[in-house]
Amino acid sequence: RPRAPSQRQPRPARAAMPRPADTPESLLAALPSAEQIAAEV
Protein backbone atom coordinates (compact mmCIF):
# COMPACT_ATOMS: atom_id res chain seq x y z
CA ARG A 1 0.00 0.00 0.00
CA PRO A 2 1.25 3.54 -0.67
CA ARG A 3 2.36 5.15 2.57
CA ALA A 4 2.02 8.79 3.47
CA PRO A 5 5.30 10.53 4.35
CA SER A 6 6.05 10.16 8.03
CA GLN A 7 6.29 13.27 10.18
CA ARG A 8 8.34 11.50 12.82
CA GLN A 9 12.09 11.82 13.09
CA PRO A 10 13.85 8.68 11.87
CA ARG A 11 15.25 6.45 14.57
CA PRO A 12 19.01 6.00 14.64
CA ALA A 13 20.06 2.74 13.04
CA ARG A 14 20.94 0.00 15.46
CA ALA A 15 24.09 -2.00 14.91
CA ALA A 16 23.37 -5.58 13.91
CA MET A 17 24.22 -8.14 16.55
CA PRO A 18 27.22 -10.22 15.45
CA ARG A 19 26.44 -13.88 14.99
CA PRO A 20 28.71 -16.27 16.87
CA ALA A 21 31.33 -17.89 14.66
CA ASP A 22 31.31 -21.64 14.22
CA THR A 23 34.08 -23.58 15.94
CA PRO A 24 34.68 -27.34 15.92
CA GLU A 25 33.51 -27.38 19.54
CA SER A 26 30.28 -25.52 18.79
CA LEU A 27 29.57 -27.74 15.80
CA LEU A 28 30.08 -30.88 17.88
CA ALA A 29 27.58 -29.64 20.46
CA ALA A 30 24.04 -30.90 20.15
CA LEU A 31 22.04 -29.33 17.34
CA PRO A 32 19.27 -26.97 18.42
CA SER A 33 15.89 -28.63 18.30
CA ALA A 34 13.56 -28.08 15.35
CA GLU A 35 11.39 -25.95 17.66
CA GLN A 36 14.35 -23.75 18.68
CA ILE A 37 15.40 -23.26 15.06
CA ALA A 38 11.81 -22.50 14.01
CA ALA A 39 11.58 -19.83 16.76
CA GLU A 40 14.84 -18.27 15.53
CA VAL A 41 13.62 -18.31 11.91
Full PDB file with SEQRES, HELIX, SHEET, SSBOND, CRYST1, ORIGX, SCALE, CONECT and MASTER records, all heavy atoms in Angstrom:
SEQRES   1 A   41  ARG PRO ARG ALA PRO SER GLN ARG GLN PRO ARG PRO ALA          
SEQRES   2 A   41  ARG ALA ALA MET PRO ARG PRO ALA ASP THR PRO GLU SER          
SEQRES   3 A   41  LEU LEU ALA ALA LEU PRO SER ALA GLU GLN ILE ALA ALA          
SEQRES   4 A   41  GLU VAL                                                      
HELIX    1 AA1 PRO A   24  LEU A   28  1                                   5    
HELIX    2 AA2 ALA A   34  GLU A   40  1                                   7    
CRYST1    1.000    1.000    1.000  90.00  90.00  90.00 P 1           1          
ORIGX1      1.000000  0.000000  0.000000        0.00000                         
ORIGX2      0.000000  1.000000  0.000000        0.00000                         
ORIGX3      0.000000  0.000000  1.000000        0.00000                         
SCALE1      1.000000  0.000000  0.000000        0.00000                         
SCALE2      0.000000  1.000000  0.000000        0.00000                         
SCALE3      0.000000  0.000000  1.000000        0.00000                         
ATOM      1  N   ARG A   1       0.843  -1.196   0.000  1.00  0.00           N  
ATOM      2  CA  ARG A   1       0.000   0.000   0.000  1.00  0.00           C  
ATOM      3  C   ARG A   1       0.880   1.248   0.000  1.00  0.00           C  
ATOM      4  O   ARG A   1       1.906   1.289   0.683  1.00  0.00           O  
ATOM      5  CB  ARG A   1      -0.887   0.027   1.246  1.00  0.00           C  
ATOM      6  CG  ARG A   1      -1.874  -1.120   1.306  1.00  0.00           C  
ATOM      7  CD  ARG A   1      -2.674  -1.043   2.589  1.00  0.00           C  
ATOM      8  NE  ARG A   1      -3.620  -2.157   2.687  1.00  0.00           N  
ATOM      9  CZ  ARG A   1      -4.382  -2.368   3.740  1.00  0.00           C  
ATOM     10  NH1 ARG A   1      -4.308  -1.561   4.786  1.00  0.00           N  
ATOM     11  NH2 ARG A   1      -5.216  -3.383   3.764  1.00  0.00           N  
ATOM     12  N   PRO A   2       0.471   2.298  -0.733  1.00  0.00           N  
ATOM     13  CA  PRO A   2       1.248   3.540  -0.670  1.00  0.00           C  
ATOM     14  C   PRO A   2       1.178   4.133   0.727  1.00  0.00           C  
ATOM     15  O   PRO A   2       0.121   4.147   1.358  1.00  0.00           O  
ATOM     16  CB  PRO A   2       0.560   4.440  -1.703  1.00  0.00           C  
ATOM     17  CG  PRO A   2      -0.785   3.841  -1.913  1.00  0.00           C  
ATOM     18  CD  PRO A   2      -0.663   2.373  -1.645  1.00  0.00           C  
ATOM     19  N   ARG A   3       2.294   4.606   1.225  1.00  0.00           N  
ATOM     20  CA  ARG A   3       2.360   5.147   2.573  1.00  0.00           C  
ATOM     21  C   ARG A   3       2.577   6.647   2.529  1.00  0.00           C  
ATOM     22  O   ARG A   3       3.391   7.142   1.746  1.00  0.00           O  
ATOM     23  CB  ARG A   3       3.491   4.469   3.352  1.00  0.00           C  
ATOM     24  CG  ARG A   3       3.233   2.991   3.596  1.00  0.00           C  
ATOM     25  CD  ARG A   3       4.464   2.251   4.032  1.00  0.00           C  
ATOM     26  NE  ARG A   3       5.059   2.819   5.230  1.00  0.00           N  
ATOM     27  CZ  ARG A   3       6.119   2.291   5.834  1.00  0.00           C  
ATOM     28  NH1 ARG A   3       6.702   1.231   5.322  1.00  0.00           N  
ATOM     29  NH2 ARG A   3       6.617   2.844   6.924  1.00  0.00           N  
ATOM     30  N   ALA A   4       1.841   7.347   3.379  1.00  0.00           N  
ATOM     31  CA  ALA A   4       2.020   8.790   3.468  1.00  0.00           C  
ATOM     32  C   ALA A   4       3.363   9.089   4.106  1.00  0.00           C  
ATOM     33  O   ALA A   4       3.852   8.307   4.936  1.00  0.00           O  
ATOM     34  CB  ALA A   4       0.899   9.393   4.307  1.00  0.00           C  
ATOM     35  N   PRO A   5       4.010  10.185   3.733  1.00  0.00           N  
ATOM     36  CA  PRO A   5       5.297  10.533   4.351  1.00  0.00           C  
ATOM     37  C   PRO A   5       5.148  10.673   5.863  1.00  0.00           C  
ATOM     38  O   PRO A   5       4.195  11.268   6.355  1.00  0.00           O  
ATOM     39  CB  PRO A   5       5.644  11.883   3.702  1.00  0.00           C  
ATOM     40  CG  PRO A   5       4.821  11.948   2.468  1.00  0.00           C  
ATOM     41  CD  PRO A   5       3.587  11.157   2.728  1.00  0.00           C  
ATOM     42  N   SER A   6       6.093  10.099   6.581  1.00  0.00           N  
ATOM     43  CA  SER A   6       6.046  10.161   8.033  1.00  0.00           C  
ATOM     44  C   SER A   6       6.543  11.511   8.520  1.00  0.00           C  
ATOM     45  O   SER A   6       7.485  12.080   7.982  1.00  0.00           O  
ATOM     46  CB  SER A   6       6.917   9.043   8.617  1.00  0.00           C  
ATOM     47  OG  SER A   6       7.000   9.170  10.017  1.00  0.00           O  
ATOM     48  N   GLN A   7       5.872  12.009   9.567  1.00  0.00           N  
ATOM     49  CA  GLN A   7       6.285  13.270  10.178  1.00  0.00           C  
ATOM     50  C   GLN A   7       7.263  13.044  11.333  1.00  0.00           C  
ATOM     51  O   GLN A   7       7.796  13.984  11.888  1.00  0.00           O  
ATOM     52  CB  GLN A   7       5.042  14.019  10.712  1.00  0.00           C  
ATOM     53  CG  GLN A   7       4.003  14.305   9.644  1.00  0.00           C  
ATOM     54  CD  GLN A   7       4.559  15.170   8.524  1.00  0.00           C  
ATOM     55  OE1 GLN A   7       5.294  16.118   8.775  1.00  0.00           O  
ATOM     56  NE2 GLN A   7       4.236  14.822   7.287  1.00  0.00           N  
ATOM     57  N   ARG A   8       7.458  11.780  11.698  1.00  0.00           N  
ATOM     58  CA  ARG A   8       8.338  11.504  12.821  1.00  0.00           C  
ATOM     59  C   ARG A   8       9.802  11.547  12.399  1.00  0.00           C  
ATOM     60  O   ARG A   8      10.144  11.255  11.259  1.00  0.00           O  
ATOM     61  CB  ARG A   8       8.025  10.123  13.412  1.00  0.00           C  
ATOM     62  CG  ARG A   8       6.647  10.070  14.061  1.00  0.00           C  
ATOM     63  CD  ARG A   8       6.418   8.726  14.707  1.00  0.00           C  
ATOM     64  NE  ARG A   8       6.486   7.630  13.734  1.00  0.00           N  
ATOM     65  CZ  ARG A   8       6.380   6.351  14.043  1.00  0.00           C  
ATOM     66  NH1 ARG A   8       6.219   5.997  15.295  1.00  0.00           N  
ATOM     67  NH2 ARG A   8       6.435   5.410  13.121  1.00  0.00           N  
ATOM     68  N   GLN A   9      10.655  11.852  13.354  1.00  0.00           N  
ATOM     69  CA  GLN A   9      12.089  11.823  13.094  1.00  0.00           C  
ATOM     70  C   GLN A   9      12.526  10.369  12.968  1.00  0.00           C  
ATOM     71  O   GLN A   9      12.093   9.508  13.739  1.00  0.00           O  
ATOM     72  CB  GLN A   9      12.859  12.487  14.251  1.00  0.00           C  
ATOM     73  CG  GLN A   9      12.600  13.981  14.373  1.00  0.00           C  
ATOM     74  CD  GLN A   9      13.145  14.724  13.160  1.00  0.00           C  
ATOM     75  OE1 GLN A   9      14.179  14.371  12.615  1.00  0.00           O  
ATOM     76  NE2 GLN A   9      12.429  15.750  12.728  1.00  0.00           N  
ATOM     77  N   PRO A  10      13.394  10.074  11.997  1.00  0.00           N  
ATOM     78  CA  PRO A  10      13.851   8.678  11.873  1.00  0.00           C  
ATOM     79  C   PRO A  10      14.669   8.249  13.084  1.00  0.00           C  
ATOM     80  O   PRO A  10      15.407   9.042  13.658  1.00  0.00           O  
ATOM     81  CB  PRO A  10      14.712   8.709  10.602  1.00  0.00           C  
ATOM     82  CG  PRO A  10      15.112  10.131  10.441  1.00  0.00           C  
ATOM     83  CD  PRO A  10      13.996  10.951  11.004  1.00  0.00           C  
ATOM     84  N   ARG A  11      14.479   6.997  13.453  1.00  0.00           N  
ATOM     85  CA  ARG A  11      15.250   6.451  14.569  1.00  0.00           C  
ATOM     86  C   ARG A  11      16.684   6.181  14.124  1.00  0.00           C  
ATOM     87  O   ARG A  11      16.906   5.785  12.979  1.00  0.00           O  
ATOM     88  CB  ARG A  11      14.627   5.141  15.050  1.00  0.00           C  
ATOM     89  CG  ARG A  11      13.250   5.305  15.649  1.00  0.00           C  
ATOM     90  CD  ARG A  11      12.737   3.951  16.091  1.00  0.00           C  
ATOM     91  NE  ARG A  11      11.388   4.044  16.635  1.00  0.00           N  
ATOM     92  CZ  ARG A  11      10.687   2.988  17.045  1.00  0.00           C  
ATOM     93  NH1 ARG A  11      11.209   1.784  16.943  1.00  0.00           N  
ATOM     94  NH2 ARG A  11       9.474   3.141  17.534  1.00  0.00           N  
ATOM     95  N   PRO A  12      17.642   6.351  15.020  1.00  0.00           N  
ATOM     96  CA  PRO A  12      19.014   6.003  14.637  1.00  0.00           C  
ATOM     97  C   PRO A  12      19.123   4.508  14.389  1.00  0.00           C  
ATOM     98  O   PRO A  12      18.491   3.700  15.074  1.00  0.00           O  
ATOM     99  CB  PRO A  12      19.848   6.429  15.856  1.00  0.00           C  
ATOM    100  CG  PRO A  12      18.872   6.526  16.984  1.00  0.00           C  
ATOM    101  CD  PRO A  12      17.553   6.874  16.384  1.00  0.00           C  
ATOM    102  N   ALA A  13      19.899   4.158  13.377  1.00  0.00           N  
ATOM    103  CA  ALA A  13      20.063   2.741  13.037  1.00  0.00           C  
ATOM    104  C   ALA A  13      20.793   2.010  14.157  1.00  0.00           C  
ATOM    105  O   ALA A  13      21.743   2.526  14.733  1.00  0.00           O  
ATOM    106  CB  ALA A  13      20.845   2.613  11.730  1.00  0.00           C  
ATOM    107  N   ARG A  14      20.289   0.813  14.447  1.00  0.00           N  
ATOM    108  CA  ARG A  14      20.940  -0.001  15.463  1.00  0.00           C  
ATOM    109  C   ARG A  14      21.938  -0.934  14.802  1.00  0.00           C  
ATOM    110  O   ARG A  14      21.669  -1.503  13.749  1.00  0.00           O  
ATOM    111  CB  ARG A  14      19.911  -0.820  16.234  1.00  0.00           C  
ATOM    112  CG  ARG A  14      18.989   0.028  17.091  1.00  0.00           C  
ATOM    113  CD  ARG A  14      18.149  -0.832  17.997  1.00  0.00           C  
ATOM    114  NE  ARG A  14      17.312  -1.763  17.259  1.00  0.00           N  
ATOM    115  CZ  ARG A  14      16.529  -2.677  17.833  1.00  0.00           C  
ATOM    116  NH1 ARG A  14      16.506  -2.786  19.140  1.00  0.00           N  
ATOM    117  NH2 ARG A  14      15.784  -3.477  17.102  1.00  0.00           N  
ATOM    118  N   ALA A  15      23.065  -1.095  15.442  1.00  0.00           N  
ATOM    119  CA  ALA A  15      24.086  -2.000  14.905  1.00  0.00           C  
ATOM    120  C   ALA A  15      23.567  -3.432  14.983  1.00  0.00           C  
ATOM    121  O   ALA A  15      22.947  -3.830  15.974  1.00  0.00           O  
ATOM    122  CB  ALA A  15      25.381  -1.870  15.703  1.00  0.00           C  
ATOM    123  N   ALA A  16      23.809  -4.184  13.919  1.00  0.00           N  
ATOM    124  CA  ALA A  16      23.375  -5.583  13.907  1.00  0.00           C  
ATOM    125  C   ALA A  16      24.196  -6.382  14.913  1.00  0.00           C  
ATOM    126  O   ALA A  16      25.393  -6.168  15.072  1.00  0.00           O  
ATOM    127  CB  ALA A  16      23.549  -6.167  12.506  1.00  0.00           C  
ATOM    128  N   MET A  17      23.524  -7.294  15.593  1.00  0.00           N  
ATOM    129  CA  MET A  17      24.225  -8.145  16.547  1.00  0.00           C  
ATOM    130  C   MET A  17      25.095  -9.146  15.787  1.00  0.00           C  
ATOM    131  O   MET A  17      24.616  -9.819  14.875  1.00  0.00           O  
ATOM    132  CB  MET A  17      23.215  -8.905  17.413  1.00  0.00           C  
ATOM    133  CG  MET A  17      22.448  -8.013  18.355  1.00  0.00           C  
ATOM    134  SD  MET A  17      23.507  -7.286  19.609  1.00  0.00           S  
ATOM    135  CE  MET A  17      23.930  -8.748  20.554  1.00  0.00           C  
ATOM    136  N   PRO A  18      26.380  -9.247  16.145  1.00  0.00           N  
ATOM    137  CA  PRO A  18      27.221 -10.222  15.447  1.00  0.00           C  
ATOM    138  C   PRO A  18      26.777 -11.637  15.770  1.00  0.00           C  
ATOM    139  O   PRO A  18      26.386 -11.944  16.888  1.00  0.00           O  
ATOM    140  CB  PRO A  18      28.623  -9.928  16.011  1.00  0.00           C  
ATOM    141  CG  PRO A  18      28.381  -9.277  17.327  1.00  0.00           C  
ATOM    142  CD  PRO A  18      27.081  -8.524  17.185  1.00  0.00           C  
ATOM    143  N   ARG A  19      26.804 -12.499  14.767  1.00  0.00           N  
ATOM    144  CA  ARG A  19      26.439 -13.883  14.990  1.00  0.00           C  
ATOM    145  C   ARG A  19      27.663 -14.650  15.431  1.00  0.00           C  
ATOM    146  O   ARG A  19      28.754 -14.424  14.928  1.00  0.00           O  
ATOM    147  CB  ARG A  19      25.845 -14.481  13.710  1.00  0.00           C  
ATOM    148  CG  ARG A  19      24.569 -13.750  13.348  1.00  0.00           C  
ATOM    149  CD  ARG A  19      23.726 -14.461  12.351  1.00  0.00           C  
ATOM    150  NE  ARG A  19      23.379 -15.827  12.679  1.00  0.00           N  
ATOM    151  CZ  ARG A  19      22.436 -16.187  13.538  1.00  0.00           C  
ATOM    152  NH1 ARG A  19      21.780 -15.292  14.224  1.00  0.00           N  
ATOM    153  NH2 ARG A  19      22.153 -17.444  13.719  1.00  0.00           N  
ATOM    154  N   PRO A  20      27.532 -15.543  16.401  1.00  0.00           N  
ATOM    155  CA  PRO A  20      28.707 -16.274  16.869  1.00  0.00           C  
ATOM    156  C   PRO A  20      29.309 -17.126  15.762  1.00  0.00           C  
ATOM    157  O   PRO A  20      28.588 -17.744  14.980  1.00  0.00           O  
ATOM    158  CB  PRO A  20      28.148 -17.154  18.001  1.00  0.00           C  
ATOM    159  CG  PRO A  20      26.674 -17.223  17.761  1.00  0.00           C  
ATOM    160  CD  PRO A  20      26.297 -15.940  17.085  1.00  0.00           C  
ATOM    161  N   ALA A  21      30.635 -17.113  15.692  1.00  0.00           N  
ATOM    162  CA  ALA A  21      31.326 -17.886  14.656  1.00  0.00           C  
ATOM    163  C   ALA A  21      31.295 -19.364  15.015  1.00  0.00           C  
ATOM    164  O   ALA A  21      31.340 -19.739  16.190  1.00  0.00           O  
ATOM    165  CB  ALA A  21      32.761 -17.397  14.509  1.00  0.00           C  
ATOM    166  N   ASP A  22      31.232 -20.203  13.987  1.00  0.00           N  
ATOM    167  CA  ASP A  22      31.315 -21.638  14.224  1.00  0.00           C  
ATOM    168  C   ASP A  22      32.734 -22.011  14.652  1.00  0.00           C  
ATOM    169  O   ASP A  22      33.722 -21.460  14.169  1.00  0.00           O  
ATOM    170  CB  ASP A  22      30.971 -22.403  12.936  1.00  0.00           C  
ATOM    171  CG  ASP A  22      29.473 -22.450  12.680  1.00  0.00           C  
ATOM    172  OD1 ASP A  22      28.704 -22.467  13.653  1.00  0.00           O  
ATOM    173  OD2 ASP A  22      29.085 -22.470  11.503  1.00  0.00           O  
ATOM    174  N   THR A  23      32.816 -22.955  15.553  1.00  0.00           N  
ATOM    175  CA  THR A  23      34.082 -23.577  15.935  1.00  0.00           C  
ATOM    176  C   THR A  23      33.847 -25.078  15.919  1.00  0.00           C  
ATOM    177  O   THR A  23      32.689 -25.529  15.982  1.00  0.00           O  
ATOM    178  CB  THR A  23      34.518 -23.154  17.345  1.00  0.00           C  
ATOM    179  OG1 THR A  23      33.542 -23.644  18.285  1.00  0.00           O  
ATOM    180  CG2 THR A  23      34.644 -21.633  17.462  1.00  0.00           C  
ATOM    181  N   PRO A  24      34.913 -25.893  15.845  1.00  0.00           N  
ATOM    182  CA  PRO A  24      34.681 -27.341  15.919  1.00  0.00           C  
ATOM    183  C   PRO A  24      33.909 -27.736  17.178  1.00  0.00           C  
ATOM    184  O   PRO A  24      33.064 -28.621  17.142  1.00  0.00           O  
ATOM    185  CB  PRO A  24      36.101 -27.916  15.916  1.00  0.00           C  
ATOM    186  CG  PRO A  24      36.902 -26.910  15.144  1.00  0.00           C  
ATOM    187  CD  PRO A  24      36.321 -25.576  15.539  1.00  0.00           C  
ATOM    188  N   GLU A  25      34.194 -27.042  18.297  1.00  0.00           N  
ATOM    189  CA  GLU A  25      33.508 -27.378  19.541  1.00  0.00           C  
ATOM    190  C   GLU A  25      32.013 -27.057  19.449  1.00  0.00           C  
ATOM    191  O   GLU A  25      31.166 -27.849  19.887  1.00  0.00           O  
ATOM    192  CB  GLU A  25      34.138 -26.615  20.710  1.00  0.00           C  
ATOM    193  CG  GLU A  25      35.572 -27.036  21.041  1.00  0.00           C  
ATOM    194  CD  GLU A  25      36.598 -26.515  20.035  1.00  0.00           C  
ATOM    195  OE1 GLU A  25      36.302 -25.524  19.335  1.00  0.00           O  
ATOM    196  OE2 GLU A  25      37.673 -27.129  19.942  1.00  0.00           O  
ATOM    197  N   SER A  26      31.696 -25.879  18.879  1.00  0.00           N  
ATOM    198  CA  SER A  26      30.279 -25.517  18.792  1.00  0.00           C  
ATOM    199  C   SER A  26      29.543 -26.425  17.816  1.00  0.00           C  
ATOM    200  O   SER A  26      28.371 -26.741  18.014  1.00  0.00           O  
ATOM    201  CB  SER A  26      30.123 -24.053  18.377  1.00  0.00           C  
ATOM    202  OG  SER A  26      30.541 -23.855  17.037  1.00  0.00           O  
ATOM    203  N   LEU A  27      30.226 -26.857  16.753  1.00  0.00           N  
ATOM    204  CA  LEU A  27      29.573 -27.738  15.797  1.00  0.00           C  
ATOM    205  C   LEU A  27      29.345 -29.136  16.371  1.00  0.00           C  
ATOM    206  O   LEU A  27      28.395 -29.828  16.000  1.00  0.00           O  
ATOM    207  CB  LEU A  27      30.405 -27.839  14.509  1.00  0.00           C  
ATOM    208  CG  LEU A  27      30.408 -26.594  13.624  1.00  0.00           C  
ATOM    209  CD1 LEU A  27      31.439 -26.731  12.522  1.00  0.00           C  
ATOM    210  CD2 LEU A  27      29.037 -26.342  13.028  1.00  0.00           C  
ATOM    211  N   LEU A  28      30.240 -29.560  17.278  1.00  0.00           N  
ATOM    212  CA  LEU A  28      30.081 -30.877  17.881  1.00  0.00           C  
ATOM    213  C   LEU A  28      29.001 -30.882  18.964  1.00  0.00           C  
ATOM    214  O   LEU A  28      28.525 -31.937  19.353  1.00  0.00           O  
ATOM    215  CB  LEU A  28      31.409 -31.344  18.488  1.00  0.00           C  
ATOM    216  CG  LEU A  28      32.410 -31.905  17.467  1.00  0.00           C  
ATOM    217  CD1 LEU A  28      33.758 -32.144  18.137  1.00  0.00           C  
ATOM    218  CD2 LEU A  28      31.901 -33.192  16.835  1.00  0.00           C  
ATOM    219  N   ALA A  29      28.654 -29.705  19.462  1.00  0.00           N  
ATOM    220  CA  ALA A  29      27.584 -29.635  20.458  1.00  0.00           C  
ATOM    221  C   ALA A  29      26.271 -30.086  19.819  1.00  0.00           C  
ATOM    222  O   ALA A  29      26.128 -30.132  18.605  1.00  0.00           O  
ATOM    223  CB  ALA A  29      27.455 -28.207  20.988  1.00  0.00           C  
ATOM    224  N   ALA A  30      25.324 -30.415  20.658  1.00  0.00           N  
ATOM    225  CA  ALA A  30      24.038 -30.896  20.149  1.00  0.00           C  
ATOM    226  C   ALA A  30      23.383 -29.827  19.286  1.00  0.00           C  
ATOM    227  O   ALA A  30      23.433 -28.634  19.601  1.00  0.00           O  
ATOM    228  CB  ALA A  30      23.128 -31.269  21.312  1.00  0.00           C  
ATOM    229  N   LEU A  31      22.777 -30.255  18.189  1.00  0.00           N  
ATOM    230  CA  LEU A  31      22.041 -29.326  17.342  1.00  0.00           C  
ATOM    231  C   LEU A  31      20.865 -28.744  18.114  1.00  0.00           C  
ATOM    232  O   LEU A  31      20.257 -29.433  18.933  1.00  0.00           O  
ATOM    233  CB  LEU A  31      21.495 -30.060  16.115  1.00  0.00           C  
ATOM    234  CG  LEU A  31      22.426 -30.307  14.946  1.00  0.00           C  
ATOM    235  CD1 LEU A  31      21.706 -31.169  13.911  1.00  0.00           C  
ATOM    236  CD2 LEU A  31      22.873 -29.003  14.314  1.00  0.00           C  
ATOM    237  N   PRO A  32      20.524 -27.480  17.853  1.00  0.00           N  
ATOM    238  CA  PRO A  32      19.267 -26.966  18.424  1.00  0.00           C  
ATOM    239  C   PRO A  32      18.110 -27.826  17.931  1.00  0.00           C  
ATOM    240  O   PRO A  32      18.167 -28.431  16.864  1.00  0.00           O  
ATOM    241  CB  PRO A  32      19.181 -25.543  17.861  1.00  0.00           C  
ATOM    242  CG  PRO A  32      20.561 -25.207  17.392  1.00  0.00           C  
ATOM    243  CD  PRO A  32      21.206 -26.495  17.012  1.00  0.00           C  
ATOM    244  N   SER A  33      17.066 -27.864  18.712  1.00  0.00           N  
ATOM    245  CA  SER A  33      15.887 -28.632  18.297  1.00  0.00           C  
ATOM    246  C   SER A  33      15.198 -27.930  17.133  1.00  0.00           C  
ATOM    247  O   SER A  33      15.423 -26.740  16.873  1.00  0.00           O  
ATOM    248  CB  SER A  33      14.909 -28.757  19.471  1.00  0.00           C  
ATOM    249  OG  SER A  33      14.348 -27.489  19.766  1.00  0.00           O  
ATOM    250  N   ALA A  34      14.332 -28.680  16.447  1.00  0.00           N  
ATOM    251  CA  ALA A  34      13.565 -28.082  15.351  1.00  0.00           C  
ATOM    252  C   ALA A  34      12.729 -26.921  15.859  1.00  0.00           C  
ATOM    253  O   ALA A  34      12.570 -25.904  15.168  1.00  0.00           O  
ATOM    254  CB  ALA A  34      12.679 -29.145  14.703  1.00  0.00           C  
ATOM    255  N   GLU A  35      12.205 -27.029  17.090  1.00  0.00           N  
ATOM    256  CA  GLU A  35      11.390 -25.949  17.659  1.00  0.00           C  
ATOM    257  C   GLU A  35      12.234 -24.709  17.927  1.00  0.00           C  
ATOM    258  O   GLU A  35      11.798 -23.577  17.675  1.00  0.00           O  
ATOM    259  CB  GLU A  35      10.719 -26.408  18.958  1.00  0.00           C  
ATOM    260  CG  GLU A  35       9.643 -27.459  18.774  1.00  0.00           C  
ATOM    261  CD  GLU A  35      10.214 -28.861  18.522  1.00  0.00           C  
ATOM    262  OE1 GLU A  35      11.435 -29.077  18.760  1.00  0.00           O  
ATOM    263  OE2 GLU A  35       9.449 -29.738  18.064  1.00  0.00           O  
ATOM    264  N   GLN A  36      13.465 -24.899  18.433  1.00  0.00           N  
ATOM    265  CA  GLN A  36      14.352 -23.755  18.683  1.00  0.00           C  
ATOM    266  C   GLN A  36      14.729 -23.056  17.379  1.00  0.00           C  
ATOM    267  O   GLN A  36      14.744 -21.823  17.300  1.00  0.00           O  
ATOM    268  CB  GLN A  36      15.608 -24.222  19.420  1.00  0.00           C  
ATOM    269  CG  GLN A  36      15.375 -24.636  20.852  1.00  0.00           C  
ATOM    270  CD  GLN A  36      16.588 -25.307  21.467  1.00  0.00           C  
ATOM    271  OE1 GLN A  36      17.272 -26.112  20.827  1.00  0.00           O  
ATOM    272  NE2 GLN A  36      16.869 -24.977  22.723  1.00  0.00           N  
ATOM    273  N   ILE A  37      15.027 -23.847  16.353  1.00  0.00           N  
ATOM    274  CA  ILE A  37      15.396 -23.255  15.064  1.00  0.00           C  
ATOM    275  C   ILE A  37      14.197 -22.548  14.455  1.00  0.00           C  
ATOM    276  O   ILE A  37      14.323 -21.447  13.903  1.00  0.00           O  
ATOM    277  CB  ILE A  37      15.964 -24.335  14.131  1.00  0.00           C  
ATOM    278  CG1 ILE A  37      17.376 -24.697  14.601  1.00  0.00           C  
ATOM    279  CG2 ILE A  37      15.979 -23.873  12.682  1.00  0.00           C  
ATOM    280  CD1 ILE A  37      18.074 -25.754  13.793  1.00  0.00           C  
ATOM    281  N   ALA A  38      13.015 -23.143  14.559  1.00  0.00           N  
ATOM    282  CA  ALA A  38      11.811 -22.497  14.013  1.00  0.00           C  
ATOM    283  C   ALA A  38      11.557 -21.160  14.705  1.00  0.00           C  
ATOM    284  O   ALA A  38      11.180 -20.172  14.056  1.00  0.00           O  
ATOM    285  CB  ALA A  38      10.610 -23.419  14.165  1.00  0.00           C  
ATOM    286  N   ALA A  39      11.780 -21.099  16.027  1.00  0.00           N  
ATOM    287  CA  ALA A  39      11.583 -19.835  16.755  1.00  0.00           C  
ATOM    288  C   ALA A  39      12.581 -18.790  16.281  1.00  0.00           C  
ATOM    289  O   ALA A  39      12.239 -17.612  16.105  1.00  0.00           O  
ATOM    290  CB  ALA A  39      11.731 -20.071  18.254  1.00  0.00           C  
ATOM    291  N   GLU A  40      13.832 -19.204  16.038  1.00  0.00           N  
ATOM    292  CA  GLU A  40      14.843 -18.272  15.525  1.00  0.00           C  
ATOM    293  C   GLU A  40      14.456 -17.778  14.135  1.00  0.00           C  
ATOM    294  O   GLU A  40      14.555 -16.578  13.832  1.00  0.00           O  
ATOM    295  CB  GLU A  40      16.206 -18.973  15.461  1.00  0.00           C  
ATOM    296  CG  GLU A  40      17.303 -18.124  14.846  1.00  0.00           C  
ATOM    297  CD  GLU A  40      18.547 -18.930  14.488  1.00  0.00           C  
ATOM    298  OE1 GLU A  40      18.589 -20.142  14.775  1.00  0.00           O  
ATOM    299  OE2 GLU A  40      19.471 -18.337  13.913  1.00  0.00           O  
ATOM    300  N   VAL A  41      13.990 -18.682  13.280  1.00  0.00           N  
ATOM    301  CA  VAL A  41      13.619 -18.312  11.911  1.00  0.00           C  
ATOM    302  C   VAL A  41      12.445 -17.338  11.905  1.00  0.00           C  
ATOM    303  O   VAL A  41      12.394 -16.418  11.084  1.00  0.00           O  
ATOM    304  CB  VAL A  41      13.296 -19.589  11.097  1.00  0.00           C  
ATOM    305  CG1 VAL A  41      12.591 -19.255   9.789  1.00  0.00           C  
ATOM    306  CG2 VAL A  41      14.578 -20.373  10.830  1.00  0.00           C  
TER     307      VAL A  41                                                      
MASTER        0    0    0    2    0    0    0    6  306    1    0    4          
END                                                                             
